C-alpha atoms as a PDB file:
ATOM      1  CA  MET A   1       0.000   0.000   0.000  1.00  0.00           C
ATOM      2  CA  SER A   2       2.891   2.412   0.687  1.00  0.00           C
ATOM      3  CA  LEU A   3       4.145   2.071  -2.914  1.00  0.00           C
ATOM      4  CA  ILE A   4       0.698   2.850  -4.302  1.00  0.00           C
ATOM      5  CA  ARG A   5       0.667   6.126  -2.352  1.00  0.00           C
ATOM      6  CA  HIS A   6       4.103   7.115  -3.685  1.00  0.00           C
ATOM      7  CA  PRO A   7       4.219   9.781  -6.461  1.00  0.00           C
ATOM      8  CA  LYS A   8       6.386   7.512  -8.673  1.00  0.00           C
ATOM      9  CA  PHE A   9       3.654   4.891  -8.783  1.00  0.00           C
ATOM     10  CA  GLN A  10       1.919   5.510 -12.104  1.00  0.00           C
ATOM     11  CA  SER A  11      -1.737   4.632 -11.847  1.00  0.00           C
ATOM     12  CA  ALA A  12      -4.946   6.428 -12.594  1.00  0.00           C
ATOM     13  CA  ASP A  13      -6.534   5.001  -9.476  1.00  0.00           C
ATOM     14  CA  ALA A  14      -3.704   5.898  -7.087  1.00  0.00           C
ATOM     15  CA  GLN A  15      -3.739   9.092  -5.051  1.00  0.00           C
ATOM     16  CA  PRO A  16      -0.190  10.139  -4.066  1.00  0.00           C
ATOM     17  CA  LEU A  17       0.377  10.982  -0.429  1.00  0.00           C
ATOM     18  CA  PRO A  18       1.364  14.661  -0.135  1.00  0.00           C
ATOM     19  CA  ALA A  19       3.919  13.888   2.585  1.00  0.00           C
ATOM     20  CA  LEU A  20       5.872  11.814   0.023  1.00  0.00           C
ATOM     21  CA  ALA A  21       5.996  14.533  -2.613  1.00  0.00           C
ATOM     22  CA  ASP A  22       9.724  15.228  -2.061  1.00  0.00           C
ATOM     23  CA  ASP A  23      10.721  11.644  -1.274  1.00  0.00           C
ATOM     24  CA  PRO A  24      13.832  10.743  -3.358  1.00  0.00           C
ATOM     25  CA  THR A  25      13.140   7.012  -3.417  1.00  0.00           C
ATOM     26  CA  ASP A  26      13.535   5.540  -6.884  1.00  0.00           C
ATOM     27  CA  PHE A  27      11.894   2.281  -7.839  1.00  0.00           C
ATOM     28  CA  ALA A  28      10.216   0.518 -10.734  1.00  0.00           C
ATOM     29  CA  LEU A  29       7.420  -2.029 -10.786  1.00  0.00           C
ATOM     30  CA  THR A  30       6.944  -4.798 -13.307  1.00  0.00           C
ATOM     31  CA  PHE A  31       3.779  -6.855 -13.300  1.00  0.00           C
ATOM     32  CA  VAL A  32       3.990 -10.444 -14.519  1.00  0.00           C
ATOM     33  CA  THR A  33       0.968 -12.446 -15.590  1.00  0.00           C
ATOM     34  CA  PRO A  34       0.625 -16.240 -15.645  1.00  0.00           C
ATOM     35  CA  ASP A  35       0.953 -16.125 -19.455  1.00  0.00           C
ATOM     36  CA  ASN A  36       4.308 -14.329 -19.072  1.00  0.00           C
ATOM     37  CA  LEU A  37       5.565 -17.043 -16.777  1.00  0.00           C
ATOM     38  CA  THR A  38       4.470 -19.757 -19.187  1.00  0.00           C
ATOM     39  CA  ALA A  39       6.325 -18.068 -22.037  1.00  0.00           C
ATOM     40  CA  MET A  40       9.460 -17.730 -19.923  1.00  0.00           C
ATOM     41  CA  ALA A  41       9.445 -21.444 -19.116  1.00  0.00           C
ATOM     42  CA  ALA A  42       9.820 -22.298 -22.784  1.00  0.00           C
ATOM     43  CA  TYR A  43      13.293 -20.735 -22.826  1.00  0.00           C
ATOM     44  CA  GLN A  44      14.501 -22.649 -19.796  1.00  0.00           C
ATOM     45  CA  LYS A  45      16.101 -25.985 -20.610  1.00  0.00           C
ATOM     46  CA  PRO A  46      17.513 -28.487 -18.151  1.00  0.00           C
ATOM     47  CA  MET A  47      21.299 -28.195 -17.955  1.00  0.00           C
ATOM     48  CA  THR A  48      23.391 -31.325 -17.406  1.00  0.00           C
ATOM     49  CA  GLY A  49      26.741 -31.295 -15.646  1.00  0.00           C
ATOM     50  CA  SER A  50      28.714 -31.508 -18.863  1.00  0.00           C
ATOM     51  CA  VAL A  51      26.767 -28.639 -20.428  1.00  0.00           C
ATOM     52  CA  TRP A  52      27.297 -26.537 -17.318  1.00  0.00           C
ATOM     53  CA  LEU A  53      31.040 -27.283 -17.375  1.00  0.00           C
ATOM     54  CA  ASP A  54      31.341 -26.395 -21.076  1.00  0.00           C
ATOM     55  CA  ASP A  55      29.501 -23.144 -20.428  1.00  0.00           C
ATOM     56  CA  LEU A  56      31.815 -22.342 -17.528  1.00  0.00           C
ATOM     57  CA  LYS A  57      34.912 -22.945 -19.688  1.00  0.00           C
ATOM     58  CA  LYS A  58      33.562 -20.556 -22.313  1.00  0.00           C
ATOM     59  CA  GLN A  59      32.968 -17.894 -19.672  1.00  0.00           C
ATOM     60  CA  ILE A  60      36.522 -18.350 -18.334  1.00  0.00           C
ATOM     61  CA  ALA A  61      38.024 -18.175 -21.800  1.00  0.00           C
ATOM     62  CA  LYS A  62      36.592 -14.724 -22.461  1.00  0.00           C
ATOM     63  CA  THR A  63      37.164 -13.320 -18.988  1.00  0.00           C
ATOM     64  CA  ASP A  64      40.078 -10.953 -18.349  1.00  0.00           C
ATOM     65  CA  PHE A  65      41.706 -11.924 -15.046  1.00  0.00           C
ATOM     66  CA  ALA A  66      44.429  -9.288 -15.202  1.00  0.00           C
ATOM     67  CA  SER A  67      42.451  -6.962 -12.930  1.00  0.00           C
ATOM     68  CA  VAL A  68      41.513  -9.663 -10.408  1.00  0.00           C
ATOM     69  CA  ASP A  69      43.123  -9.217  -6.989  1.00  0.00           C
ATOM     70  CA  VAL A  70      44.037 -12.818  -6.215  1.00  0.00           C
ATOM     71  CA  ASP A  71      45.550 -11.935  -2.852  1.00  0.00           C
ATOM     72  CA  LYS A  72      42.336 -10.277  -1.743  1.00  0.00           C
ATOM     73  CA  ILE A  73      40.322 -13.313  -2.746  1.00  0.00           C
ATOM     74  CA  ASP A  74      42.750 -15.523  -0.833  1.00  0.00           C
ATOM     75  CA  ASP A  75      42.421 -13.314   2.244  1.00  0.00           C
ATOM     76  CA  ILE A  76      38.638 -13.534   2.105  1.00  0.00           C
ATOM     77  CA  LEU A  77      38.553 -17.303   1.652  1.00  0.00           C
ATOM     78  CA  ASN A  78      41.067 -17.885   4.471  1.00  0.00           C
ATOM     79  CA  MET A  79      39.887 -15.154   6.813  1.00  0.00           C
ATOM     80  CA  GLN A  80      40.275 -15.984  10.516  1.00  0.00           C
ATOM     81  CA  TYR A  81      37.718 -14.250  12.732  1.00  0.00           C
ATOM     82  CA  GLY A  82      39.617 -12.231  15.328  1.00  0.00           C
ATOM     83  CA  TYR A  83      37.174 -12.894  18.154  1.00  0.00           C
ATOM     84  CA  GLU A  84      36.532 -16.609  17.734  1.00  0.00           C
ATOM     85  CA  PRO A  85      36.599 -17.378  21.506  1.00  0.00           C
ATOM     86  CA  GLU A  86      33.822 -14.832  22.032  1.00  0.00           C
ATOM     87  CA  THR A  87      31.545 -16.892  19.784  1.00  0.00           C
ATOM     88  CA  ARG A  88      31.753 -19.678  22.365  1.00  0.00           C
ATOM     89  CA  THR A  89      31.067 -17.425  25.341  1.00  0.00           C
ATOM     90  CA  THR A  90      27.735 -16.850  27.020  1.00  0.00           C
ATOM     91  CA  ALA A  91      26.839 -13.265  27.840  1.00  0.00           C
ATOM     92  CA  TYR A  92      25.287 -14.461  31.127  1.00  0.00           C
ATOM     93  CA  GLN A  93      26.694 -16.258  34.174  1.00  0.00           C
ATOM     94  CA  SER A  94      24.967 -17.010  37.461  1.00  0.00           C
ATOM     95  CA  VAL A  95      26.778 -16.506  40.752  1.00  0.00           C
ATOM     96  CA  SER A  96      26.620 -20.220  41.515  1.00  0.00           C
ATOM     97  CA  GLU A  97      28.657 -20.893  38.375  1.00  0.00           C
ATOM     98  CA  ILE A  98      31.211 -18.131  38.613  1.00  0.00           C
ATOM     99  CA  LYS A  99      31.675 -17.375  42.327  1.00  0.00           C
ATOM    100  CA  ARG A 100      34.904 -19.363  42.778  1.00  0.00           C
ATOM    101  CA  LEU A 101      36.655 -17.092  40.307  1.00  0.00           C
ATOM    102  CA  PHE A 102      36.507 -14.224  42.785  1.00  0.00           C
ATOM    103  CA  GLU A 103      38.223 -15.804  45.762  1.00  0.00           C
ATOM    104  CA  ASP A 104      41.275 -13.595  45.448  1.00  0.00           C
ATOM    105  CA  PRO A 105      40.456  -9.945  44.730  1.00  0.00           C
ATOM    106  CA  ASP A 106      44.047  -9.387  43.569  1.00  0.00           C
ATOM    107  CA  MET A 107      43.745 -12.078  40.923  1.00  0.00           C
ATOM    108  CA  LEU A 108      43.431 -10.259  37.604  1.00  0.00           C
ATOM    109  CA  GLN A 109      43.502 -13.301  35.348  1.00  0.00           C
ATOM    110  CA  LEU A 110      40.456 -14.887  36.950  1.00  0.00           C
ATOM    111  CA  GLY A 111      39.992 -17.380  34.163  1.00  0.00           C
ATOM    112  CA  GLN A 112      43.174 -19.179  35.243  1.00  0.00           C
ATOM    113  CA  TYR A 113      41.397 -20.496  38.337  1.00  0.00           C
ATOM    114  CA  ASN A 114      39.376 -23.571  37.468  1.00  0.00           C
ATOM    115  CA  PRO A 115      38.815 -25.931  40.439  1.00  0.00           C
ATOM    116  CA  LYS A 116      37.968 -29.570  39.869  1.00  0.00           C
ATOM    117  CA  TRP A 117      34.311 -29.240  40.809  1.00  0.00           C
ATOM    118  CA  GLN A 118      33.794 -26.509  38.254  1.00  0.00           C
ATOM    119  CA  GLN A 119      34.141 -27.017  34.517  1.00  0.00           C
ATOM    120  CA  SER A 120      34.476 -24.547  31.678  1.00  0.00           C
ATOM    121  CA  HIS A 121      32.311 -25.583  28.730  1.00  0.00           C
ATOM    122  CA  GLY A 122      32.692 -23.325  25.712  1.00  0.00           C
ATOM    123  CA  ASN A 123      33.748 -20.368  27.864  1.00  0.00           C
ATOM    124  CA  ARG A 124      30.924 -20.842  30.335  1.00  0.00           C
ATOM    125  CA  PHE A 125      31.531 -22.052  33.867  1.00  0.00           C
ATOM    126  CA  VAL A 126      29.137 -24.748  34.974  1.00  0.00           C
ATOM    127  CA  THR A 127      28.859 -27.080  37.925  1.00  0.00           C
ATOM    128  CA  SER A 128      28.966 -30.776  37.140  1.00  0.00           C
ATOM    129  CA  ASP A 129      26.255 -31.853  39.583  1.00  0.00           C
ATOM    130  CA  PHE A 130      22.641 -32.146  38.425  1.00  0.00           C
ATOM    131  CA  ARG A 131      19.580 -32.846  40.510  1.00  0.00           C
ATOM    132  CA  GLN A 132      17.901 -36.172  39.857  1.00  0.00           C
ATOM    133  CA  PRO A 133      14.623 -35.737  37.924  1.00  0.00           C
ATOM    134  CA  ALA A 134      11.534 -35.915  40.139  1.00  0.00           C
ATOM    135  CA  PHE A 135      10.079 -38.889  38.207  1.00  0.00           C
ATOM    136  CA  LEU A 136      13.205 -40.928  39.006  1.00  0.00           C
ATOM    137  CA  GLN A 137      13.178 -40.200  42.728  1.00  0.00           C
ATOM    138  CA  THR A 138      12.011 -43.022  44.952  1.00  0.00           C
ATOM    139  CA  VAL A 139      12.552 -41.208  48.269  1.00  0.00           C
ATOM    140  CA  THR A 140      10.259 -38.268  49.012  1.00  0.00           C
ATOM    141  CA  ALA A 141      12.114 -36.992  52.094  1.00  0.00           C
ATOM    142  CA  PRO A 142      13.245 -33.365  51.766  1.00  0.00           C
ATOM    143  CA  THR A 143      16.770 -32.930  50.489  1.00  0.00           C
ATOM    144  CA  ALA A 144      19.398 -30.848  52.248  1.00  0.00           C
ATOM    145  CA  ALA A 145      19.133 -28.280  49.448  1.00  0.00           C
ATOM    146  CA  GLU A 146      15.371 -27.978  49.935  1.00  0.00           C
ATOM    147  CA  VAL A 147      15.768 -27.517  53.684  1.00  0.00           C
ATOM    148  CA  GLY A 148      18.486 -24.930  53.081  1.00  0.00           C
ATOM    149  CA  THR A 149      16.264 -22.991  50.679  1.00  0.00           C
ATOM    150  CA  ALA A 150      13.385 -23.106  53.166  1.00  0.00           C
ATOM    151  CA  THR A 151      15.661 -21.863  55.968  1.00  0.00           C
ATOM    152  CA  HIS A 152      16.678 -18.910  53.806  1.00  0.00           C
ATOM    153  CA  LEU A 153      13.000 -18.165  53.231  1.00  0.00           C
ATOM    154  CA  VAL A 154      12.328 -18.085  56.959  1.00  0.00           C
ATOM    155  CA  LEU A 155      15.240 -15.697  57.508  1.00  0.00           C
ATOM    156  CA  GLN A 156      13.903 -13.525  54.699  1.00  0.00           C
ATOM    157  CA  GLU A 157      10.354 -13.340  56.070  1.00  0.00           C
ATOM    158  CA  LEU A 158      11.036 -12.851  59.788  1.00  0.00           C
ATOM    159  CA  ASN A 159       9.713  -9.557  61.153  1.00  0.00           C
ATOM    160  CA  LEU A 160      12.787  -7.718  62.395  1.00  0.00           C
ATOM    161  CA  GLU A 161      10.730  -5.131  64.299  1.00  0.00           C
ATOM    162  CA  GLN A 162      10.577  -7.467  67.306  1.00  0.00           C
ATOM    163  CA  PRO A 163      12.941  -9.650  69.328  1.00  0.00           C
ATOM    164  CA  ILE A 164      13.560 -12.918  67.504  1.00  0.00           C
ATOM    165  CA  THR A 165      12.775 -15.910  69.688  1.00  0.00           C
ATOM    166  CA  THR A 166      12.225 -19.583  68.966  1.00  0.00           C
ATOM    167  CA  ASP A 167       8.460 -19.014  69.242  1.00  0.00           C
ATOM    168  CA  VAL A 168       8.640 -16.197  66.691  1.00  0.00           C
ATOM    169  CA  ILE A 169      10.638 -18.409  64.328  1.00  0.00           C
ATOM    170  CA  ASP A 170       8.198 -21.306  64.727  1.00  0.00           C
ATOM    171  CA  HIS A 171       5.214 -19.020  64.140  1.00  0.00           C
ATOM    172  CA  GLN A 172       6.818 -17.735  60.927  1.00  0.00           C
ATOM    173  CA  ILE A 173       7.379 -21.284  59.708  1.00  0.00           C
ATOM    174  CA  GLN A 174       3.769 -22.253  60.479  1.00  0.00           C
ATOM    175  CA  THR A 175       2.539 -19.176  58.607  1.00  0.00           C
ATOM    176  CA  LEU A 176       4.555 -20.133  55.525  1.00  0.00           C
ATOM    177  CA  VAL A 177       3.129 -23.657  55.650  1.00  0.00           C
ATOM    178  CA  ALA A 178      -0.438 -22.362  56.131  1.00  0.00           C
ATOM    179  CA  ASN A 179      -0.001 -20.066  53.133  1.00  0.00           C
ATOM    180  CA  GLN A 180       1.237 -23.055  51.107  1.00  0.00           C
ATOM    181  CA  VAL A 181       4.550 -21.331  50.492  1.00  0.00           C
ATOM    182  CA  MET A 182       6.438 -24.116  52.235  1.00  0.00           C
ATOM    183  CA  ALA A 183       5.724 -27.847  52.361  1.00  0.00           C
ATOM    184  CA  ALA A 184       5.084 -29.276  55.816  1.00  0.00           C
ATOM    185  CA  PRO A 185       7.694 -32.072  55.488  1.00  0.00           C
ATOM    186  CA  VAL A 186      10.339 -29.462  54.646  1.00  0.00           C
ATOM    187  CA  ALA A 187       9.219 -27.194  57.511  1.00  0.00           C
ATOM    188  CA  GLU A 188       9.664 -30.031  59.983  1.00  0.00           C
ATOM    189  CA  GLN A 189      13.319 -30.340  59.014  1.00  0.00           C
ATOM    190  CA  ILE A 190      14.197 -26.687  59.715  1.00  0.00           C
ATOM    191  CA  ASP A 191      16.279 -26.433  62.868  1.00  0.00           C
ATOM    192  CA  ARG A 192      14.700 -23.624  64.873  1.00  0.00           C
ATOM    193  CA  GLY A 193      17.664 -23.591  67.236  1.00  0.00           C
ATOM    194  CA  HIS A 194      20.101 -22.970  64.400  1.00  0.00           C
ATOM    195  CA  VAL A 195      18.079 -19.985  63.235  1.00  0.00           C
ATOM    196  CA  GLN A 196      17.850 -18.669  66.792  1.00  0.00           C
ATOM    197  CA  GLN A 197      21.626 -18.876  67.163  1.00  0.00           C
ATOM    198  CA  LEU A 198      22.051 -16.214  64.505  1.00  0.00           C
ATOM    199  CA  PHE A 199      20.118 -13.643  66.491  1.00  0.00           C
ATOM    200  CA  ASP A 200      22.078 -14.373  69.676  1.00  0.00           C
ATOM    201  CA  THR A 201      25.306 -13.206  67.982  1.00  0.00           C
ATOM    202  CA  GLU A 202      26.477  -9.593  67.679  1.00  0.00           C
ATOM    203  CA  LEU A 203      25.768  -9.810  63.957  1.00  0.00           C
ATOM    204  CA  GLY A 204      22.213 -11.023  64.590  1.00  0.00           C
ATOM    205  CA  LYS A 205      21.599  -8.272  67.124  1.00  0.00           C
ATOM    206  CA  ALA A 206      22.811  -5.688  64.607  1.00  0.00           C
ATOM    207  CA  ILE A 207      20.470  -7.131  61.969  1.00  0.00           C
ATOM    208  CA  VAL A 208      17.497  -6.753  64.334  1.00  0.00           C
ATOM    209  CA  ALA A 209      18.655  -3.310  65.492  1.00  0.00           C
ATOM    210  CA  HIS A 210      18.502  -2.052  61.920  1.00  0.00           C
ATOM    211  CA  GLY A 211      14.964  -3.446  61.580  1.00  0.00           C
ATOM    212  CA  ASN A 212      13.406  -2.613  58.228  1.00  0.00           C
ATOM    213  CA  GLY A 213      16.687  -0.962  57.281  1.00  0.00           C
ATOM    214  CA  THR A 214      18.125  -4.428  56.845  1.00  0.00           C
ATOM    215  CA  HIS A 215      17.882  -5.402  53.193  1.00  0.00           C
ATOM    216  CA  ARG A 216      17.265  -9.090  52.543  1.00  0.00           C
ATOM    217  CA  GLU A 217      17.247 -11.228  49.386  1.00  0.00           C
ATOM    218  CA  THR A 218      18.464  -8.376  47.204  1.00  0.00           C
ATOM    219  CA  PRO A 219      18.822  -9.292  43.519  1.00  0.00           C
ATOM    220  CA  PHE A 220      21.637  -7.761  41.511  1.00  0.00           C
ATOM    221  CA  SER A 221      23.105  -7.747  38.038  1.00  0.00           C
ATOM    222  CA  LEU A 222      26.744  -6.922  37.454  1.00  0.00           C
ATOM    223  CA  LEU A 223      28.620  -6.329  34.215  1.00  0.00           C
ATOM    224  CA  LEU A 224      32.216  -7.499  34.253  1.00  0.00           C
ATOM    225  CA  PRO A 225      34.872  -7.295  31.531  1.00  0.00           C
ATOM    226  CA  ALA A 226      34.736 -10.646  29.748  1.00  0.00           C
ATOM    227  CA  ASN A 227      38.530 -10.946  29.579  1.00  0.00           C
ATOM    228  CA  GLN A 228      38.695 -10.864  33.390  1.00  0.00           C
ATOM    229  CA  VAL A 229      36.584 -14.009  33.484  1.00  0.00           C
ATOM    230  CA  PHE A 230      37.965 -15.904  30.491  1.00  0.00           C
ATOM    231  CA  GLN A 231      41.640 -15.349  29.798  1.00  0.00           C
ATOM    232  CA  ASP A 232      41.473 -16.262  26.081  1.00  0.00           C
ATOM    233  CA  LEU A 233      39.069 -13.452  25.220  1.00  0.00           C
ATOM    234  CA  HIS A 234      40.712 -10.453  23.593  1.00  0.00           C
ATOM    235  CA  ASP A 235      37.852  -8.000  23.101  1.00  0.00           C
ATOM    236  CA  ASP A 236      38.389  -5.271  25.694  1.00  0.00           C
ATOM    237  CA  GLN A 237      34.851  -3.987  25.140  1.00  0.00           C
ATOM    238  CA  ALA A 238      33.063  -7.300  25.709  1.00  0.00           C
ATOM    239  CA  LYS A 239      31.083  -7.670  28.931  1.00  0.00           C
ATOM    240  CA  ILE A 240      29.526 -10.591  30.776  1.00  0.00           C
ATOM    241  CA  LEU A 241      26.331 -10.181  32.803  1.00  0.00           C
ATOM    242  CA  ILE A 242      26.385 -11.839  36.225  1.00  0.00           C
ATOM    243  CA  HIS A 243      23.182 -12.195  38.191  1.00  0.00           C
ATOM    244  CA  GLY A 244      22.657 -13.283  41.779  1.00  0.00           C
ATOM    245  CA  ILE A 245      20.813 -12.654  45.044  1.00  0.00           C
ATOM    246  CA  ILE A 246      22.436 -11.242  48.182  1.00  0.00           C
ATOM    247  CA  ASP A 247      21.145 -12.719  51.452  1.00  0.00           C
ATOM    248  CA  GLY A 248      21.326  -9.429  53.317  1.00  0.00           C
ATOM    249  CA  TYR A 249      23.082  -6.192  54.203  1.00  0.00           C
ATOM    250  CA  PHE A 250      22.610  -3.024  56.220  1.00  0.00           C
ATOM    251  CA  GLU A 251      24.207   0.397  56.129  1.00  0.00           C
ATOM    252  CA  ASP A 252      25.959   2.423  58.821  1.00  0.00           C
ATOM    253  CA  ALA A 253      27.759   5.747  58.751  1.00  0.00           C
ATOM    254  CA  ASP A 254      31.073   4.067  57.854  1.00  0.00           C
ATOM    255  CA  GLY A 255      29.685   1.843  55.103  1.00  0.00           C
ATOM    256  CA  ILE A 256      27.874  -1.407  54.365  1.00  0.00           C
ATOM    257  CA  THR A 257      27.854  -4.648  56.351  1.00  0.00           C
ATOM    258  CA  LEU A 258      27.186  -7.638  54.108  1.00  0.00           C
ATOM    259  CA  PHE A 259      26.123 -11.044  55.420  1.00  0.00           C
ATOM    260  CA  ASP A 260      25.368 -14.408  53.907  1.00  0.00           C
ATOM    261  CA  TYR A 261      23.803 -17.479  55.520  1.00  0.00           C
ATOM    262  CA  LYS A 262      25.096 -20.988  54.941  1.00  0.00           C
ATOM    263  CA  THR A 263      23.413 -24.223  55.973  1.00  0.00           C
ATOM    264  CA  ASP A 264      26.377 -26.413  54.984  1.00  0.00           C
ATOM    265  CA  HIS A 265      27.600 -29.031  57.407  1.00  0.00           C
ATOM    266  CA  VAL A 266      30.907 -27.833  58.836  1.00  0.00           C
ATOM    267  CA  ILE A 267      33.599 -30.218  60.047  1.00  0.00           C
ATOM    268  CA  PRO A 268      34.489 -29.301  63.649  1.00  0.00           C
ATOM    269  CA  GLY A 269      37.790 -27.501  64.126  1.00  0.00           C
ATOM    270  CA  ASP A 270      39.848 -24.868  62.387  1.00  0.00           C
ATOM    271  CA  LYS A 271      40.237 -26.919  59.214  1.00  0.00           C
ATOM    272  CA  GLY A 272      36.464 -27.090  58.732  1.00  0.00           C
ATOM    273  CA  VAL A 273      36.088 -23.337  59.187  1.00  0.00           C
ATOM    274  CA  ALA A 274      39.012 -22.622  56.859  1.00  0.00           C
ATOM    275  CA  LYS A 275      37.498 -24.869  54.203  1.00  0.00           C
ATOM    276  CA  ILE A 276      34.103 -23.156  54.349  1.00  0.00           C
ATOM    277  CA  LYS A 277      35.699 -19.704  54.218  1.00  0.00           C
ATOM    278  CA  ASP A 278      37.749 -20.744  51.199  1.00  0.00           C
ATOM    279  CA  ARG A 279      34.647 -22.092  49.491  1.00  0.00           C
ATOM    280  CA  TYR A 280      32.583 -18.924  49.843  1.00  0.00           C
ATOM    281  CA  SER A 281      35.059 -16.049  49.996  1.00  0.00           C
ATOM    282  CA  GLY A 282      34.756 -15.594  46.240  1.00  0.00           C
ATOM    283  CA  GLN A 283      30.991 -15.314  46.443  1.00  0.00           C
ATOM    284  CA  LEU A 284      31.166 -12.610  49.116  1.00  0.00           C
ATOM    285  CA  ASN A 285      33.820 -10.720  47.146  1.00  0.00           C
ATOM    286  CA  LEU A 286      31.465 -10.704  44.184  1.00  0.00           C
ATOM    287  CA  TYR A 287      28.520  -9.566  46.326  1.00  0.00           C
ATOM    288  CA  ALA A 288      30.635  -6.795  47.844  1.00  0.00           C
ATOM    289  CA  GLN A 289      31.622  -5.536  44.392  1.00  0.00           C
ATOM    290  CA  ALA A 290      27.975  -5.557  43.273  1.00  0.00           C
ATOM    291  CA  LEU A 291      26.808  -3.708  46.403  1.00  0.00           C
ATOM    292  CA  SER A 292      29.485  -1.050  46.037  1.00  0.00           C
ATOM    293  CA  ASP A 293      28.466  -0.493  42.423  1.00  0.00           C
ATOM    294  CA  MET A 294      24.762  -0.364  43.333  1.00  0.00           C
ATOM    295  CA  THR A 295      25.000   1.971  46.322  1.00  0.00           C
ATOM    296  CA  GLY A 296      28.201   3.896  45.689  1.00  0.00           C
ATOM    297  CA  LYS A 297      29.260   3.048  49.241  1.00  0.00           C
ATOM    298  CA  PRO A 298      32.100   0.814  50.458  1.00  0.00           C
ATOM    299  CA  VAL A 299      31.472  -2.614  51.946  1.00  0.00           C
ATOM    300  CA  VAL A 300      33.410  -2.428  55.213  1.00  0.00           C
ATOM    301  CA  HIS A 301      32.335  -5.728  56.771  1.00  0.00           C
ATOM    302  CA  LYS A 302      31.564  -9.129  55.264  1.00  0.00           C
ATOM    303  CA  TYR A 303      30.200 -11.988  57.349  1.00  0.00           C
ATOM    304  CA  LEU A 304      29.478 -15.613  56.642  1.00  0.00           C
ATOM    305  CA  PHE A 305      27.023 -17.036  59.181  1.00  0.00           C
ATOM    306  CA  LEU A 306      27.172 -20.796  59.648  1.00  0.00           C
ATOM    307  CA  LEU A 307      23.760 -21.942  60.834  1.00  0.00           C
ATOM    308  CA  SER A 308      25.010 -25.397  61.740  1.00  0.00           C
ATOM    309  CA  THR A 309      27.541 -24.067  64.256  1.00  0.00           C
ATOM    310  CA  GLY A 310      26.169 -20.628  65.134  1.00  0.00           C
ATOM    311  CA  GLU A 311      29.390 -18.902  64.065  1.00  0.00           C
ATOM    312  CA  ALA A 312      29.567 -15.528  62.346  1.00  0.00           C
ATOM    313  CA  LEU A 313      32.814 -15.539  60.376  1.00  0.00           C
ATOM    314  CA  ALA A 314      34.358 -12.225  59.396  1.00  0.00           C
ATOM    315  CA  MET A 315      35.584 -12.564  55.820  1.00  0.00           C
END
């Protein structure tokens, strides 16, 4: 319809659109009828391979190749794309996949760190463990991961405008079950005492003291230079989007205090604590960087709270 309204369209029935009066577009229309197509078919004969080859030889014989830039043709045919590794790189990484790369904030070539439990597939870091499909599961008892997720939900939903007691924790769990947000079998496995331990620590008291000023389950997205994550990438302008959720933080006059809950089983002793700190220091470094970018304020304290032992580890 737009061509019909154009001044160049020659038709007695068409009314040109005034707004197109000065339009410089140049085009031509040719209408073909079924009879035209039938006539054209008569000139088209099947061409065998030998006929095609003879025709090609004739074309070559009368072609002047003196002006052909053979080197340019060779360059085109053998061109190597300068950013080939980028074609195998995802533009998105979740924190669970990439967190170990940030264990040492002084480590500029982060892609050099590739622990055994983490694999790099086509310039994407993935974990090698996969949950068993539900239809293959024969045991319906809640998994440790499900209990851990439910415990995080309780910590997210607790009303911090009141003292946190075991009764308050239990009431929150019952409310989540009643609202069908949490399954009863999972709720039964949540250790109320472990949750209570958090709020008996100085960190827990500070969380309650800040009340609604304590931010919980804060999502974030962070753009990082791709060549800081994968060492074989050469495009300085390429970025990778990292997305995650921060368990919690609060702000004071001197800066931000960041905290993260962990339900992992911890081996008693210094070795167990050292192992858990090593496992999650990268994740907290990443969260701290994201928070600083989001708020423009420094993260002055980072804590890892171990629910199984009641310890608040300064990171």
